[in-house]
Amino acid sequence: MIPEFGQILKQEVGNVAPSASIRTEFGEIDIYLFDQILRGRFDHRRRVFDAGCGDGRNLVYFLRHGFECHGADADPSAIARVRATAAALAPTLPLDNFKVAELDRLPWPDATMDAVVASAVLHFARDGKHFDRILDELWRVLAPGGLFFARLASTIGLEKVVGVAGCRVRLPDGTERFVVDEEILRQAARRLGGRQADPIKTTNVEGQRCMTTWCLEKIA
């Protein structure tokens, strides 16, 4: 007789639910960044920079597995929290890798990162010029052959509700964000000299906001 699925599961993971085990390994990671890890995009990109890192929710996996992690956030308390996380998960990693900094003025040299993660941060740009300055800085620290991963608010799928892109708007969910459209992203990729690593993908959250995933490779 074949054991029931629940019995098999207990044999494999004991009393720990699979979701809890995954959360321990990956933290509260952006699911679309998780997808990039699963697809091998970080297998040979060991220097990871998290722009607007907050408390480091997207860095847990990388810290656990010996990546050279860096992060910047304008909030000193966020940097204190991510340093505490790094100290616990990667005690040999220099805590100075995590700095209080504005994303349009990064204190890192050119081409020092193999991957730049900008999850839910670019839409806090004040205007188009500020957006471009942040992009330029993130691109500057990315090494040739590196991966740029971003998720940000867009008008894609909400054009009739939100209207124009390339500025700050109030979204149906009540938040105010700098929003982009596909043409803005494609123009930015051409200006930076980036190659699209994936198709531009957008998630529409019940008509309240749209979040777009944008992945580029920096041409060597």
C-alpha atoms as a PDB file:
ATOM      1  CA  MET A   1       0.000   0.000   0.000  1.00  0.00           C
ATOM      2  CA  ILE A   2       1.328   3.430  -0.969  1.00  0.00           C
ATOM      3  CA  PRO A   3       1.765   5.765   2.074  1.00  0.00           C
ATOM      4  CA  GLU A   4      -0.368   8.864   2.064  1.00  0.00           C
ATOM      5  CA  PHE A   5       1.328  12.038   0.879  1.00  0.00           C
ATOM      6  CA  GLY A   6       1.324  13.536   4.378  1.00  0.00           C
ATOM      7  CA  GLN A   7       3.253  10.574   5.746  1.00  0.00           C
ATOM      8  CA  ILE A   8       5.858  10.845   2.974  1.00  0.00           C
ATOM      9  CA  LEU A   9       6.218  14.556   3.639  1.00  0.00           C
ATOM     10  CA  LYS A  10       6.827  13.959   7.344  1.00  0.00           C
ATOM     11  CA  GLN A  11       9.473  11.382   6.524  1.00  0.00           C
ATOM     12  CA  GLU A  12      11.280  13.877   4.286  1.00  0.00           C
ATOM     13  CA  VAL A  13      11.080  17.069   6.314  1.00  0.00           C
ATOM     14  CA  GLY A  14       9.993  15.960   9.754  1.00  0.00           C
ATOM     15  CA  ASN A  15       7.522  18.316  11.372  1.00  0.00           C
ATOM     16  CA  VAL A  16       8.779  21.385   9.482  1.00  0.00           C
ATOM     17  CA  ALA A  17       6.337  22.673   6.865  1.00  0.00           C
ATOM     18  CA  PRO A  18       7.901  23.087   3.413  1.00  0.00           C
ATOM     19  CA  SER A  19       6.986  26.760   3.389  1.00  0.00           C
ATOM     20  CA  ALA A  20       8.830  27.336   6.673  1.00  0.00           C
ATOM     21  CA  SER A  21      11.899  25.529   5.345  1.00  0.00           C
ATOM     22  CA  ILE A  22      11.931  27.646   2.178  1.00  0.00           C
ATOM     23  CA  ARG A  23      11.425  30.832   4.194  1.00  0.00           C
ATOM     24  CA  THR A  24      14.390  29.942   6.392  1.00  0.00           C
ATOM     25  CA  GLU A  25      16.574  29.441   3.335  1.00  0.00           C
ATOM     26  CA  PHE A  26      15.408  32.417   1.265  1.00  0.00           C
ATOM     27  CA  GLY A  27      13.781  34.870   3.677  1.00  0.00           C
ATOM     28  CA  GLU A  28      11.013  37.099   2.348  1.00  0.00           C
ATOM     29  CA  ILE A  29      12.619  37.202  -1.091  1.00  0.00           C
ATOM     30  CA  ASP A  30      10.979  38.862  -4.080  1.00  0.00           C
ATOM     31  CA  ILE A  31       9.448  35.906  -5.927  1.00  0.00           C
ATOM     32  CA  TYR A  32      10.699  37.223  -9.278  1.00  0.00           C
ATOM     33  CA  LEU A  33      14.240  37.451  -7.929  1.00  0.00           C
ATOM     34  CA  PHE A  34      13.805  33.883  -6.672  1.00  0.00           C
ATOM     35  CA  ASP A  35      12.984  32.945 -10.273  1.00  0.00           C
ATOM     36  CA  GLN A  36      16.285  34.425 -11.448  1.00  0.00           C
ATOM     37  CA  ILE A  37      18.183  32.333  -8.869  1.00  0.00           C
ATOM     38  CA  LEU A  38      16.375  29.166  -9.986  1.00  0.00           C
ATOM     39  CA  ARG A  39      17.321  29.874 -13.594  1.00  0.00           C
ATOM     40  CA  GLY A  40      21.021  30.052 -12.763  1.00  0.00           C
ATOM     41  CA  ARG A  41      21.474  33.766 -13.295  1.00  0.00           C
ATOM     42  CA  PHE A  42      23.524  34.032 -10.079  1.00  0.00           C
ATOM     43  CA  ASP A  43      25.568  30.846 -10.463  1.00  0.00           C
ATOM     44  CA  HIS A  44      28.620  32.795 -11.615  1.00  0.00           C
ATOM     45  CA  ARG A  45      27.705  36.251 -10.349  1.00  0.00           C
ATOM     46  CA  ARG A  46      28.994  36.262  -6.800  1.00  0.00           C
ATOM     47  CA  ARG A  47      29.185  39.992  -6.017  1.00  0.00           C
ATOM     48  CA  VAL A  48      25.615  41.111  -5.346  1.00  0.00           C
ATOM     49  CA  PHE A  49      24.520  44.674  -4.651  1.00  0.00           C
ATOM     50  CA  ASP A  50      21.051  45.354  -3.228  1.00  0.00           C
ATOM     51  CA  ALA A  51      19.942  48.906  -3.973  1.00  0.00           C
ATOM     52  CA  GLY A  52      17.522  50.160  -1.343  1.00  0.00           C
ATOM     53  CA  CYS A  53      18.189  46.985   0.617  1.00  0.00           C
ATOM     54  CA  GLY A  54      15.961  47.776   3.598  1.00  0.00           C
ATOM     55  CA  ASP A  55      16.421  45.097   6.246  1.00  0.00           C
ATOM     56  CA  GLY A  56      17.959  42.697   3.703  1.00  0.00           C
ATOM     57  CA  ARG A  57      14.943  40.556   2.866  1.00  0.00           C
ATOM     58  CA  ASN A  58      16.342  39.835  -0.616  1.00  0.00           C
ATOM     59  CA  LEU A  59      19.832  38.996   0.638  1.00  0.00           C
ATOM     60  CA  VAL A  60      19.163  36.068   2.979  1.00  0.00           C
ATOM     61  CA  TYR A  61      19.908  33.350   0.412  1.00  0.00           C
ATOM     62  CA  PHE A  62      23.032  35.130  -0.841  1.00  0.00           C
ATOM     63  CA  LEU A  63      24.348  35.672   2.682  1.00  0.00           C
ATOM     64  CA  ARG A  64      23.766  32.026   3.565  1.00  0.00           C
ATOM     65  CA  HIS A  65      25.673  30.793   0.516  1.00  0.00           C
ATOM     66  CA  GLY A  66      28.861  32.804   0.611  1.00  0.00           C
ATOM     67  CA  PHE A  67      28.099  35.547  -1.885  1.00  0.00           C
ATOM     68  CA  GLU A  68      29.922  38.847  -1.498  1.00  0.00           C
ATOM     69  CA  CYS A  69      26.913  40.964  -0.574  1.00  0.00           C
ATOM     70  CA  HIS A  70      26.663  44.748  -0.548  1.00  0.00           C
ATOM     71  CA  GLY A  71      23.743  47.061   0.081  1.00  0.00           C
ATOM     72  CA  ALA A  72      22.731  50.700   0.293  1.00  0.00           C
ATOM     73  CA  ASP A  73      19.751  52.391   1.887  1.00  0.00           C
ATOM     74  CA  ALA A  74      19.032  55.979   2.901  1.00  0.00           C
ATOM     75  CA  ASP A  75      17.548  54.802   6.218  1.00  0.00           C
ATOM     76  CA  PRO A  76      20.223  54.277   8.918  1.00  0.00           C
ATOM     77  CA  SER A  77      17.939  51.955  10.895  1.00  0.00           C
ATOM     78  CA  ALA A  78      17.533  49.728   7.831  1.00  0.00           C
ATOM     79  CA  ILE A  79      21.303  49.478   7.456  1.00  0.00           C
ATOM     80  CA  ALA A  80      21.606  48.586  11.146  1.00  0.00           C
ATOM     81  CA  ARG A  81      19.123  45.741  10.630  1.00  0.00           C
ATOM     82  CA  VAL A  82      20.758  44.380   7.485  1.00  0.00           C
ATOM     83  CA  ARG A  83      24.160  44.487   9.195  1.00  0.00           C
ATOM     84  CA  ALA A  84      22.712  42.449  12.062  1.00  0.00           C
ATOM     85  CA  THR A  85      21.339  39.919   9.575  1.00  0.00           C
ATOM     86  CA  ALA A  86      24.692  39.745   7.782  1.00  0.00           C
ATOM     87  CA  ALA A  87      26.561  39.293  11.076  1.00  0.00           C
ATOM     88  CA  ALA A  88      24.351  36.322  11.917  1.00  0.00           C
ATOM     89  CA  LEU A  89      24.342  34.626   8.508  1.00  0.00           C
ATOM     90  CA  ALA A  90      27.780  35.566   7.118  1.00  0.00           C
ATOM     91  CA  PRO A  91      30.001  36.519  10.071  1.00  0.00           C
ATOM     92  CA  THR A  92      33.158  36.932   7.956  1.00  0.00           C
ATOM     93  CA  LEU A  93      31.526  39.479   5.632  1.00  0.00           C
ATOM     94  CA  PRO A  94      32.635  43.082   6.352  1.00  0.00           C
ATOM     95  CA  LEU A  95      29.715  45.023   7.806  1.00  0.00           C
ATOM     96  CA  ASP A  96      30.963  48.107   5.963  1.00  0.00           C
ATOM     97  CA  ASN A  97      29.655  46.447   2.793  1.00  0.00           C
ATOM     98  CA  PHE A  98      26.292  47.889   3.845  1.00  0.00           C
ATOM     99  CA  LYS A  99      26.204  51.669   3.764  1.00  0.00           C
ATOM    100  CA  VAL A 100      23.820  54.528   4.380  1.00  0.00           C
ATOM    101  CA  ALA A 101      23.755  56.162   0.947  1.00  0.00           C
ATOM    102  CA  GLU A 102      21.530  57.788  -1.636  1.00  0.00           C
ATOM    103  CA  LEU A 103      21.134  55.636  -4.732  1.00  0.00           C
ATOM    104  CA  ASP A 104      22.076  58.459  -7.076  1.00  0.00           C
ATOM    105  CA  ARG A 105      25.416  58.919  -5.234  1.00  0.00           C
ATOM    106  CA  LEU A 106      26.863  55.501  -4.461  1.00  0.00           C
ATOM    107  CA  PRO A 107      30.208  55.213  -2.624  1.00  0.00           C
ATOM    108  CA  TRP A 108      31.380  52.168  -4.619  1.00  0.00           C
ATOM    109  CA  PRO A 109      33.891  52.138  -7.500  1.00  0.00           C
ATOM    110  CA  ASP A 110      32.928  51.445 -11.101  1.00  0.00           C
ATOM    111  CA  ALA A 111      32.244  47.866 -12.253  1.00  0.00           C
ATOM    112  CA  THR A 112      32.575  46.241  -8.823  1.00  0.00           C
ATOM    113  CA  MET A 113      29.300  44.243  -8.769  1.00  0.00           C
ATOM    114  CA  ASP A 114      28.270  41.180 -10.765  1.00  0.00           C
ATOM    115  CA  ALA A 115      24.577  41.723 -10.071  1.00  0.00           C
ATOM    116  CA  VAL A 116      22.491  44.718  -9.041  1.00  0.00           C
ATOM    117  CA  VAL A 117      19.086  44.153  -7.439  1.00  0.00           C
ATOM    118  CA  ALA A 118      16.638  47.068  -7.383  1.00  0.00           C
ATOM    119  CA  SER A 119      13.432  45.559  -6.044  1.00  0.00           C
ATOM    120  CA  ALA A 120      10.558  47.999  -5.443  1.00  0.00           C
ATOM    121  CA  VAL A 121      12.870  51.018  -5.200  1.00  0.00           C
ATOM    122  CA  LEU A 122      13.106  52.812  -8.571  1.00  0.00           C
ATOM    123  CA  HIS A 123       9.497  53.960  -8.327  1.00  0.00           C
ATOM    124  CA  PHE A 124      10.508  56.219  -5.418  1.00  0.00           C
ATOM    125  CA  ALA A 125      12.348  58.491  -7.858  1.00  0.00           C
ATOM    126  CA  ARG A 126      11.216  62.106  -7.561  1.00  0.00           C
ATOM    127  CA  ASP A 127      11.029  62.716 -11.309  1.00  0.00           C
ATOM    128  CA  GLY A 128      12.486  61.581 -14.634  1.00  0.00           C
ATOM    129  CA  LYS A 129      15.886  63.169 -14.046  1.00  0.00           C
ATOM    130  CA  HIS A 130      16.204  61.577 -10.630  1.00  0.00           C
ATOM    131  CA  PHE A 131      15.168  58.205 -12.103  1.00  0.00           C
ATOM    132  CA  ASP A 132      17.904  58.500 -14.746  1.00  0.00           C
ATOM    133  CA  ARG A 133      20.543  59.471 -12.171  1.00  0.00           C
ATOM    134  CA  ILE A 134      19.720  56.420 -10.048  1.00  0.00           C
ATOM    135  CA  LEU A 135      19.831  54.155 -13.102  1.00  0.00           C
ATOM    136  CA  ASP A 136      23.169  55.618 -14.174  1.00  0.00           C
ATOM    137  CA  GLU A 137      24.685  54.978 -10.742  1.00  0.00           C
ATOM    138  CA  LEU A 138      23.394  51.418 -10.518  1.00  0.00           C
ATOM    139  CA  TRP A 139      24.708  50.748 -14.012  1.00  0.00           C
ATOM    140  CA  ARG A 140      28.060  52.337 -13.192  1.00  0.00           C
ATOM    141  CA  VAL A 141      28.808  49.901 -10.366  1.00  0.00           C
ATOM    142  CA  LEU A 142      27.708  46.895 -12.456  1.00  0.00           C
ATOM    143  CA  ALA A 143      30.572  45.007 -14.106  1.00  0.00           C
ATOM    144  CA  PRO A 144      30.500  44.010 -17.794  1.00  0.00           C
ATOM    145  CA  GLY A 145      28.518  40.799 -18.153  1.00  0.00           C
ATOM    146  CA  GLY A 146      26.591  41.642 -14.986  1.00  0.00           C
ATOM    147  CA  LEU A 147      22.871  41.258 -14.343  1.00  0.00           C
ATOM    148  CA  PHE A 148      20.562  44.159 -13.527  1.00  0.00           C
ATOM    149  CA  PHE A 149      17.263  43.099 -11.913  1.00  0.00           C
ATOM    150  CA  ALA A 150      14.484  45.567 -11.140  1.00  0.00           C
ATOM    151  CA  ARG A 151      10.845  45.503 -10.146  1.00  0.00           C
ATOM    152  CA  LEU A 152       9.039  48.819 -10.273  1.00  0.00           C
ATOM    153  CA  ALA A 153       5.626  50.412 -10.677  1.00  0.00           C
ATOM    154  CA  SER A 154       4.402  50.958 -14.219  1.00  0.00           C
ATOM    155  CA  THR A 155       1.392  52.053 -16.208  1.00  0.00           C
ATOM    156  CA  ILE A 156       1.427  48.801 -18.220  1.00  0.00           C
ATOM    157  CA  GLY A 157      -2.110  47.442 -17.975  1.00  0.00           C
ATOM    158  CA  LEU A 158      -3.383  50.572 -16.229  1.00  0.00           C
ATOM    159  CA  GLU A 159      -2.941  53.079 -19.054  1.00  0.00           C
ATOM    160  CA  LYS A 160      -6.598  54.139 -19.093  1.00  0.00           C
ATOM    161  CA  VAL A 161      -6.631  54.619 -15.326  1.00  0.00           C
ATOM    162  CA  VAL A 162      -3.205  56.122 -14.649  1.00  0.00           C
ATOM    163  CA  GLY A 163      -2.489  57.927 -17.915  1.00  0.00           C
ATOM    164  CA  VAL A 164       0.965  59.266 -18.709  1.00  0.00           C
ATOM    165  CA  ALA A 165       4.211  57.540 -17.663  1.00  0.00           C
ATOM    166  CA  GLY A 166       7.574  59.073 -16.806  1.00  0.00           C
ATOM    167  CA  CYS A 167       6.350  61.031 -13.774  1.00  0.00           C
ATOM    168  CA  ARG A 168       4.936  60.553 -10.288  1.00  0.00           C
ATOM    169  CA  VAL A 169       1.256  59.651 -10.206  1.00  0.00           C
ATOM    170  CA  ARG A 170      -1.287  58.529  -7.649  1.00  0.00           C
ATOM    171  CA  LEU A 171      -2.162  54.888  -8.244  1.00  0.00           C
ATOM    172  CA  PRO A 172      -5.583  53.359  -7.559  1.00  0.00           C
ATOM    173  CA  ASP A 173      -4.163  51.758  -4.389  1.00  0.00           C
ATOM    174  CA  GLY A 174      -3.638  55.266  -2.982  1.00  0.00           C
ATOM    175  CA  THR A 175       0.181  55.300  -3.206  1.00  0.00           C
ATOM    176  CA  GLU A 176       2.186  57.860  -5.159  1.00  0.00           C
ATOM    177  CA  ARG A 177       4.880  56.390  -7.406  1.00  0.00           C
ATOM    178  CA  PHE A 178       7.119  57.287 -10.313  1.00  0.00           C
ATOM    179  CA  VAL A 179       5.780  55.071 -13.101  1.00  0.00           C
ATOM    180  CA  VAL A 180       7.277  53.821 -16.345  1.00  0.00           C
ATOM    181  CA  ASP A 181       5.996  52.165 -19.485  1.00  0.00           C
ATOM    182  CA  GLU A 182       7.651  49.738 -21.910  1.00  0.00           C
ATOM    183  CA  GLU A 183       8.997  52.491 -24.139  1.00  0.00           C
ATOM    184  CA  ILE A 184      10.727  54.234 -21.217  1.00  0.00           C
ATOM    185  CA  LEU A 185      12.366  50.953 -20.228  1.00  0.00           C
ATOM    186  CA  ARG A 186      13.444  50.159 -23.785  1.00  0.00           C
ATOM    187  CA  GLN A 187      14.883  53.636 -24.283  1.00  0.00           C
ATOM    188  CA  ALA A 188      16.757  53.357 -20.985  1.00  0.00           C
ATOM    189  CA  ALA A 189      18.202  49.972 -21.990  1.00  0.00           C
ATOM    190  CA  ARG A 190      19.446  51.419 -25.284  1.00  0.00           C
ATOM    191  CA  ARG A 191      20.949  54.444 -23.541  1.00  0.00           C
ATOM    192  CA  LEU A 192      22.743  52.299 -20.977  1.00  0.00           C
ATOM    193  CA  GLY A 193      23.917  49.754 -23.510  1.00  0.00           C
ATOM    194  CA  GLY A 194      22.071  46.871 -21.896  1.00  0.00           C
ATOM    195  CA  ARG A 195      20.775  43.696 -23.473  1.00  0.00           C
ATOM    196  CA  GLN A 196      17.357  42.474 -22.403  1.00  0.00           C
ATOM    197  CA  ALA A 197      17.829  39.269 -20.395  1.00  0.00           C
ATOM    198  CA  ASP A 198      14.104  38.462 -20.225  1.00  0.00           C
ATOM    199  CA  PRO A 199      10.914  39.793 -21.765  1.00  0.00           C
ATOM    200  CA  ILE A 200       9.436  42.694 -19.820  1.00  0.00           C
ATOM    201  CA  LYS A 201       6.823  41.145 -17.501  1.00  0.00           C
ATOM    202  CA  THR A 202       4.075  42.942 -15.630  1.00  0.00           C
ATOM    203  CA  THR A 203       1.776  41.802 -12.815  1.00  0.00           C
ATOM    204  CA  ASN A 204      -1.560  43.604 -12.498  1.00  0.00           C
ATOM    205  CA  VAL A 205      -2.728  43.502  -8.872  1.00  0.00           C
ATOM    206  CA  GLU A 206      -6.528  43.664  -9.237  1.00  0.00           C
ATOM    207  CA  GLY A 207      -6.343  46.959 -11.089  1.00  0.00           C
ATOM    208  CA  GLN A 208      -4.852  48.697  -8.044  1.00  0.00           C
ATOM    209  CA  ARG A 209      -1.228  48.778  -9.209  1.00  0.00           C
ATOM    210  CA  CYS A 210       0.998  47.191 -11.813  1.00  0.00           C
ATOM    211  CA  MET A 211       4.517  45.965 -11.028  1.00  0.00           C
ATOM    212  CA  THR A 212       6.936  45.329 -13.872  1.00  0.00           C
ATOM    213  CA  THR A 213       9.984  43.042 -13.815  1.00  0.00           C
ATOM    214  CA  TRP A 214      12.899  44.355 -15.891  1.00  0.00           C
ATOM    215  CA  CYS A 215      16.105  42.357 -16.390  1.00  0.00           C
ATOM    216  CA  LEU A 216      19.150  43.501 -18.357  1.00  0.00           C
ATOM    217  CA  GLU A 217      22.639  42.189 -18.949  1.00  0.00           C
ATOM    218  CA  LYS A 218      25.485  44.658 -19.239  1.00  0.00           C
ATOM    219  CA  ILE A 219      27.203  43.990 -22.524  1.00  0.00           C
ATOM    220  CA  ALA A 220      30.888  43.220 -22.003  1.00  0.00           C
END
